Amino acid sequence: MSDLLPIGISAFFVIVIVLLITRKFKISSRYERAPRELNLWSALDKGIDPTEDQKL
């Protein structure tokens, strides 16, 4: 039990430091990109049926 306490405290501080660094640099937002134009795939994601515009 006494061996787990320093490991737990160290893990807690590592997690806190990682969270502070990611918030400061906003690493995750660098990889998130919004589509610039509405294409067939993004229309389907928004619930728009692209086949309604095409008349057979």
Protein backbone atom coordinates (compact mmCIF):
# COMPACT_ATOMS: atom_id res chain seq x y z
CA MET A 1 0.00 0.00 0.00
CA SER A 2 2.81 2.41 0.81
CA ASP A 3 4.36 1.76 -2.63
CA LEU A 4 1.18 2.81 -4.45
CA LEU A 5 0.91 6.25 -2.84
CA PRO A 6 3.98 7.82 -4.56
CA ILE A 7 2.97 6.25 -7.88
CA GLY A 8 -0.55 7.65 -7.57
CA ILE A 9 0.69 11.12 -6.64
CA SER A 10 3.16 11.09 -9.54
CA ALA A 11 0.47 9.97 -11.98
CA PHE A 12 -1.85 12.73 -10.75
CA PHE A 13 0.79 15.43 -11.31
CA VAL A 14 1.68 14.09 -14.75
CA ILE A 15 -1.97 14.16 -15.81
CA VAL A 16 -2.39 17.71 -14.49
CA ILE A 17 0.73 18.90 -16.33
CA VAL A 18 -0.38 17.26 -19.58
CA LEU A 19 -3.83 18.87 -19.34
CA LEU A 20 -2.33 22.30 -18.68
CA ILE A 21 0.04 21.99 -21.64
CA THR A 22 -2.72 20.86 -24.03
CA ARG A 23 -4.97 23.73 -22.97
CA LYS A 24 -2.20 26.28 -23.43
CA PHE A 25 -1.14 25.13 -26.89
CA LYS A 26 -4.57 23.82 -27.99
CA ILE A 27 -2.98 20.84 -29.69
CA SER A 28 -6.24 19.03 -30.42
CA SER A 29 -7.85 21.98 -32.22
CA ARG A 30 -4.99 22.03 -34.71
CA TYR A 31 -6.23 18.79 -36.24
CA GLU A 32 -9.96 19.56 -36.24
CA ARG A 33 -11.06 21.13 -39.48
CA ALA A 34 -14.52 22.20 -40.54
CA PRO A 35 -15.56 21.59 -44.14
CA ARG A 36 -15.31 24.73 -46.24
CA GLU A 37 -18.15 23.88 -48.57
CA LEU A 38 -21.21 21.68 -48.41
CA ASN A 39 -20.56 18.58 -50.49
CA LEU A 40 -22.49 15.31 -50.71
CA TRP A 41 -20.73 13.75 -47.73
CA SER A 42 -21.10 16.73 -45.42
CA ALA A 43 -24.73 17.14 -46.52
CA LEU A 44 -25.43 13.59 -45.37
CA ASP A 45 -23.78 14.37 -42.02
CA LYS A 46 -26.17 17.28 -41.54
CA GLY A 47 -29.21 15.19 -42.49
CA ILE A 48 -29.69 16.66 -45.95
CA ASP A 49 -30.60 14.15 -48.66
CA PRO A 50 -28.57 15.09 -51.75
CA THR A 51 -30.76 12.94 -54.03
CA GLU A 52 -33.76 15.24 -53.57
CA ASP A 53 -32.13 17.86 -55.81
CA GLN A 54 -31.59 15.40 -58.64
CA LYS A 55 -34.66 14.69 -60.75
CA LEU A 56 -34.73 11.51 -62.81
